[in-house]
Amino acid sequence: MAAAKELKAVKRANAGKGAARAERRAGRVPGTVYGENQPAASISVDSVELGRSIFAGRFLTTVFELDIDGQKTRVIPRDFQLDPLKDRPVHVDFQRLGKGSVIKVAVPVHFINQETSPGHQARRHAERRAPHGRLLRPG
């Protein structure tokens, strides 16, 4: 099994809009940890540390060892929101991972030299021609 990245978090006593805004003013990102038949826990993570993890790439497919006030929990990020103007994290959701857990993760696949492949050229030609033979879009 791959090594999990370490991420420190603090448990939040209050939940809700006002408490979340107070965390953001303090330079922290509010979040939630759920799953494994346990109640959801409200947490907050350091904004700078979380932002580095998000913008480094592969954030949603990385397993983290979340240290919540000294208690370690193995989690995977499920969602995060960014501020549309400042591009800073606003909220994050984590799912707990137990031993033997099975989860689904979407992994993006990027192809290189796709434009020069013969299959790609044939598909482009088929997209441009309608069944009646007229050109659908310029290519």
C-alpha atoms as a PDB file:
ATOM      1  CA  MET A   1       0.000   0.000   0.000  1.00  0.00           C
ATOM      2  CA  ALA A   2       1.230   3.463  -0.843  1.00  0.00           C
ATOM      3  CA  ALA A   3       2.329   5.766   1.947  1.00  0.00           C
ATOM      4  CA  ALA A   4      -0.279   8.327   2.976  1.00  0.00           C
ATOM      5  CA  LYS A   5       0.525  12.022   3.097  1.00  0.00           C
ATOM      6  CA  GLU A   6       0.269  13.723   6.482  1.00  0.00           C
ATOM      7  CA  LEU A   7      -2.241  16.527   7.014  1.00  0.00           C
ATOM      8  CA  LYS A   8      -2.963  18.208  10.358  1.00  0.00           C
ATOM      9  CA  ALA A   9      -6.486  19.220  11.340  1.00  0.00           C
ATOM     10  CA  VAL A  10      -8.308  20.614  14.361  1.00  0.00           C
ATOM     11  CA  LYS A  11     -11.752  19.489  15.490  1.00  0.00           C
ATOM     12  CA  ARG A  12     -14.336  22.297  15.436  1.00  0.00           C
ATOM     13  CA  ALA A  13     -16.802  22.597  18.299  1.00  0.00           C
ATOM     14  CA  ASN A  14     -19.332  24.651  16.346  1.00  0.00           C
ATOM     15  CA  ALA A  15     -20.791  23.961  12.932  1.00  0.00           C
ATOM     16  CA  GLY A  16     -22.656  26.336  10.665  1.00  0.00           C
ATOM     17  CA  LYS A  17     -22.140  29.400   8.544  1.00  0.00           C
ATOM     18  CA  GLY A  18     -20.916  31.728  11.319  1.00  0.00           C
ATOM     19  CA  ALA A  19     -18.394  29.231  12.682  1.00  0.00           C
ATOM     20  CA  ALA A  20     -17.110  28.503   9.163  1.00  0.00           C
ATOM     21  CA  ARG A  21     -16.607  32.214   8.470  1.00  0.00           C
ATOM     22  CA  ALA A  22     -14.709  32.593  11.744  1.00  0.00           C
ATOM     23  CA  GLU A  23     -12.389  29.724  10.728  1.00  0.00           C
ATOM     24  CA  ARG A  24     -11.724  31.354   7.347  1.00  0.00           C
ATOM     25  CA  ARG A  25     -10.899  34.674   9.025  1.00  0.00           C
ATOM     26  CA  ALA A  26      -8.397  32.781  11.207  1.00  0.00           C
ATOM     27  CA  GLY A  27      -6.639  31.409   8.078  1.00  0.00           C
ATOM     28  CA  ARG A  28      -8.150  27.929   8.279  1.00  0.00           C
ATOM     29  CA  VAL A  29     -10.455  25.999   5.939  1.00  0.00           C
ATOM     30  CA  PRO A  30     -13.561  24.350   7.428  1.00  0.00           C
ATOM     31  CA  GLY A  31     -14.277  20.793   6.420  1.00  0.00           C
ATOM     32  CA  THR A  32     -16.109  17.577   7.172  1.00  0.00           C
ATOM     33  CA  VAL A  33     -14.938  13.999   7.702  1.00  0.00           C
ATOM     34  CA  TYR A  34     -17.583  11.323   7.140  1.00  0.00           C
ATOM     35  CA  GLY A  35     -17.947   7.607   6.467  1.00  0.00           C
ATOM     36  CA  GLU A  36     -17.132   4.244   8.069  1.00  0.00           C
ATOM     37  CA  ASN A  37     -20.465   4.182   9.957  1.00  0.00           C
ATOM     38  CA  GLN A  38     -19.321   6.963  12.276  1.00  0.00           C
ATOM     39  CA  PRO A  39     -20.926  10.376  12.759  1.00  0.00           C
ATOM     40  CA  ALA A  40     -19.633  13.218  10.616  1.00  0.00           C
ATOM     41  CA  ALA A  41     -16.945  15.345  12.269  1.00  0.00           C
ATOM     42  CA  SER A  42     -16.454  19.064  11.669  1.00  0.00           C
ATOM     43  CA  ILE A  43     -12.775  19.952  11.264  1.00  0.00           C
ATOM     44  CA  SER A  44     -10.586  22.788  10.050  1.00  0.00           C
ATOM     45  CA  VAL A  45      -7.320  22.561   8.129  1.00  0.00           C
ATOM     46  CA  ASP A  46      -4.586  25.156   7.605  1.00  0.00           C
ATOM     47  CA  SER A  47      -5.413  27.135   4.455  1.00  0.00           C
ATOM     48  CA  VAL A  48      -1.847  27.332   3.126  1.00  0.00           C
ATOM     49  CA  GLU A  49      -1.109  23.635   3.659  1.00  0.00           C
ATOM     50  CA  LEU A  50      -4.387  22.573   2.030  1.00  0.00           C
ATOM     51  CA  GLY A  51      -3.901  24.977  -0.889  1.00  0.00           C
ATOM     52  CA  ARG A  52      -0.458  23.512  -1.592  1.00  0.00           C
ATOM     53  CA  SER A  53      -1.906  20.001  -1.637  1.00  0.00           C
ATOM     54  CA  ILE A  54      -4.754  20.995  -3.961  1.00  0.00           C
ATOM     55  CA  PHE A  55      -2.658  22.926  -6.464  1.00  0.00           C
ATOM     56  CA  ALA A  56       0.150  20.340  -6.486  1.00  0.00           C
ATOM     57  CA  GLY A  57      -2.215  18.045  -8.382  1.00  0.00           C
ATOM     58  CA  ARG A  58      -3.747  14.618  -7.779  1.00  0.00           C
ATOM     59  CA  PHE A  59      -5.486  15.908  -4.640  1.00  0.00           C
ATOM     60  CA  LEU A  60      -8.732  13.961  -5.063  1.00  0.00           C
ATOM     61  CA  THR A  61      -6.894  10.671  -5.683  1.00  0.00           C
ATOM     62  CA  THR A  62      -4.395  10.942  -2.798  1.00  0.00           C
ATOM     63  CA  VAL A  63      -4.803   9.090   0.492  1.00  0.00           C
ATOM     64  CA  PHE A  64      -4.095  11.278   3.525  1.00  0.00           C
ATOM     65  CA  GLU A  65      -3.332  10.454   7.146  1.00  0.00           C
ATOM     66  CA  LEU A  66      -5.429  13.136   8.843  1.00  0.00           C
ATOM     67  CA  ASP A  67      -4.143  14.043  12.309  1.00  0.00           C
ATOM     68  CA  ILE A  68      -7.207  15.396  14.148  1.00  0.00           C
ATOM     69  CA  ASP A  69      -5.992  16.642  17.536  1.00  0.00           C
ATOM     70  CA  GLY A  70      -3.564  13.713  17.891  1.00  0.00           C
ATOM     71  CA  GLN A  71      -5.946  11.022  16.587  1.00  0.00           C
ATOM     72  CA  LYS A  72      -4.867   9.675  13.185  1.00  0.00           C
ATOM     73  CA  THR A  73      -7.523   8.865  10.608  1.00  0.00           C
ATOM     74  CA  ARG A  74      -6.924   7.541   7.097  1.00  0.00           C
ATOM     75  CA  VAL A  75      -9.015   9.568   4.625  1.00  0.00           C
ATOM     76  CA  ILE A  76      -9.402  10.435   0.951  1.00  0.00           C
ATOM     77  CA  PRO A  77     -10.633  13.850  -0.231  1.00  0.00           C
ATOM     78  CA  ARG A  78     -14.054  13.713  -1.874  1.00  0.00           C
ATOM     79  CA  ASP A  79     -14.686  17.353  -2.709  1.00  0.00           C
ATOM     80  CA  PHE A  80     -13.323  20.857  -2.240  1.00  0.00           C
ATOM     81  CA  GLN A  81     -14.554  24.313  -3.089  1.00  0.00           C
ATOM     82  CA  LEU A  82     -12.439  27.266  -4.168  1.00  0.00           C
ATOM     83  CA  ASP A  83     -13.271  30.946  -3.866  1.00  0.00           C
ATOM     84  CA  PRO A  84     -14.146  32.030  -7.437  1.00  0.00           C
ATOM     85  CA  LEU A  85     -12.284  35.337  -7.180  1.00  0.00           C
ATOM     86  CA  LYS A  86      -9.304  34.635  -4.945  1.00  0.00           C
ATOM     87  CA  ASP A  87      -8.813  30.962  -5.941  1.00  0.00           C
ATOM     88  CA  ARG A  88      -8.324  29.919  -2.312  1.00  0.00           C
ATOM     89  CA  PRO A  89      -9.852  26.831  -0.676  1.00  0.00           C
ATOM     90  CA  VAL A  90     -13.159  27.551   1.058  1.00  0.00           C
ATOM     91  CA  HIS A  91     -14.321  24.068   2.131  1.00  0.00           C
ATOM     92  CA  VAL A  92     -13.119  20.451   1.955  1.00  0.00           C
ATOM     93  CA  ASP A  93     -14.804  17.067   2.473  1.00  0.00           C
ATOM     94  CA  PHE A  94     -12.968  13.864   3.409  1.00  0.00           C
ATOM     95  CA  GLN A  95     -14.165  10.244   3.486  1.00  0.00           C
ATOM     96  CA  ARG A  96     -12.780   7.865   6.118  1.00  0.00           C
ATOM     97  CA  LEU A  97     -11.052   4.725   4.888  1.00  0.00           C
ATOM     98  CA  GLY A  98     -11.160   1.599   7.023  1.00  0.00           C
ATOM     99  CA  LYS A  99      -9.207  -1.600   6.540  1.00  0.00           C
ATOM    100  CA  GLY A 100     -10.437  -3.431   3.464  1.00  0.00           C
ATOM    101  CA  SER A 101     -12.555  -0.493   2.276  1.00  0.00           C
ATOM    102  CA  VAL A 102     -13.493  -0.440  -1.384  1.00  0.00           C
ATOM    103  CA  ILE A 103     -13.974   3.005  -2.927  1.00  0.00           C
ATOM    104  CA  LYS A 104     -14.436   4.397  -6.418  1.00  0.00           C
ATOM    105  CA  VAL A 105     -12.058   7.089  -7.647  1.00  0.00           C
ATOM    106  CA  ALA A 106     -12.167   8.838 -11.016  1.00  0.00           C
ATOM    107  CA  VAL A 107      -8.659   8.979 -12.479  1.00  0.00           C
ATOM    108  CA  PRO A 108      -8.109  11.368 -15.393  1.00  0.00           C
ATOM    109  CA  VAL A 109      -6.284   9.907 -18.396  1.00  0.00           C
ATOM    110  CA  HIS A 110      -4.317  12.182 -20.724  1.00  0.00           C
ATOM    111  CA  PHE A 111      -3.237  10.933 -24.165  1.00  0.00           C
ATOM    112  CA  ILE A 112      -0.135  12.218 -25.895  1.00  0.00           C
ATOM    113  CA  ASN A 113       0.121  12.592 -29.695  1.00  0.00           C
ATOM    114  CA  GLN A 114      -3.634  12.066 -30.030  1.00  0.00           C
ATOM    115  CA  GLU A 115      -3.897  14.437 -33.005  1.00  0.00           C
ATOM    116  CA  THR A 116      -1.520  12.349 -35.134  1.00  0.00           C
ATOM    117  CA  SER A 117      -3.095   8.934 -34.454  1.00  0.00           C
ATOM    118  CA  PRO A 118      -4.970   7.265 -37.366  1.00  0.00           C
ATOM    119  CA  GLY A 119      -8.026   6.485 -35.213  1.00  0.00           C
ATOM    120  CA  HIS A 120      -8.373  10.124 -34.215  1.00  0.00           C
ATOM    121  CA  GLN A 121      -8.300  11.226 -37.870  1.00  0.00           C
ATOM    122  CA  ALA A 122     -11.023   8.722 -38.819  1.00  0.00           C
ATOM    123  CA  ARG A 123     -13.235   9.874 -35.949  1.00  0.00           C
ATOM    124  CA  ARG A 124     -12.807  13.513 -36.950  1.00  0.00           C
ATOM    125  CA  HIS A 125     -13.806  12.645 -40.536  1.00  0.00           C
ATOM    126  CA  ALA A 126     -16.899  10.750 -39.328  1.00  0.00           C
ATOM    127  CA  GLU A 127     -17.936  13.668 -37.092  1.00  0.00           C
ATOM    128  CA  ARG A 128     -17.738  16.130 -39.989  1.00  0.00           C
ATOM    129  CA  ARG A 129     -19.995  14.176 -42.376  1.00  0.00           C
ATOM    130  CA  ALA A 130     -23.707  13.640 -41.827  1.00  0.00           C
ATOM    131  CA  PRO A 131     -25.366  10.398 -42.985  1.00  0.00           C
ATOM    132  CA  HIS A 132     -26.596  12.225 -46.098  1.00  0.00           C
ATOM    133  CA  GLY A 133     -23.011  13.221 -46.952  1.00  0.00           C
ATOM    134  CA  ARG A 134     -23.202  16.972 -46.317  1.00  0.00           C
ATOM    135  CA  LEU A 135     -20.518  18.660 -44.296  1.00  0.00           C
ATOM    136  CA  LEU A 136     -21.667  19.275 -40.695  1.00  0.00           C
ATOM    137  CA  ARG A 137     -18.903  21.525 -39.478  1.00  0.00           C
ATOM    138  CA  PRO A 138     -15.692  22.836 -40.952  1.00  0.00           C
ATOM    139  CA  GLY A 139     -12.701  20.834 -39.961  1.00  0.00           C
END
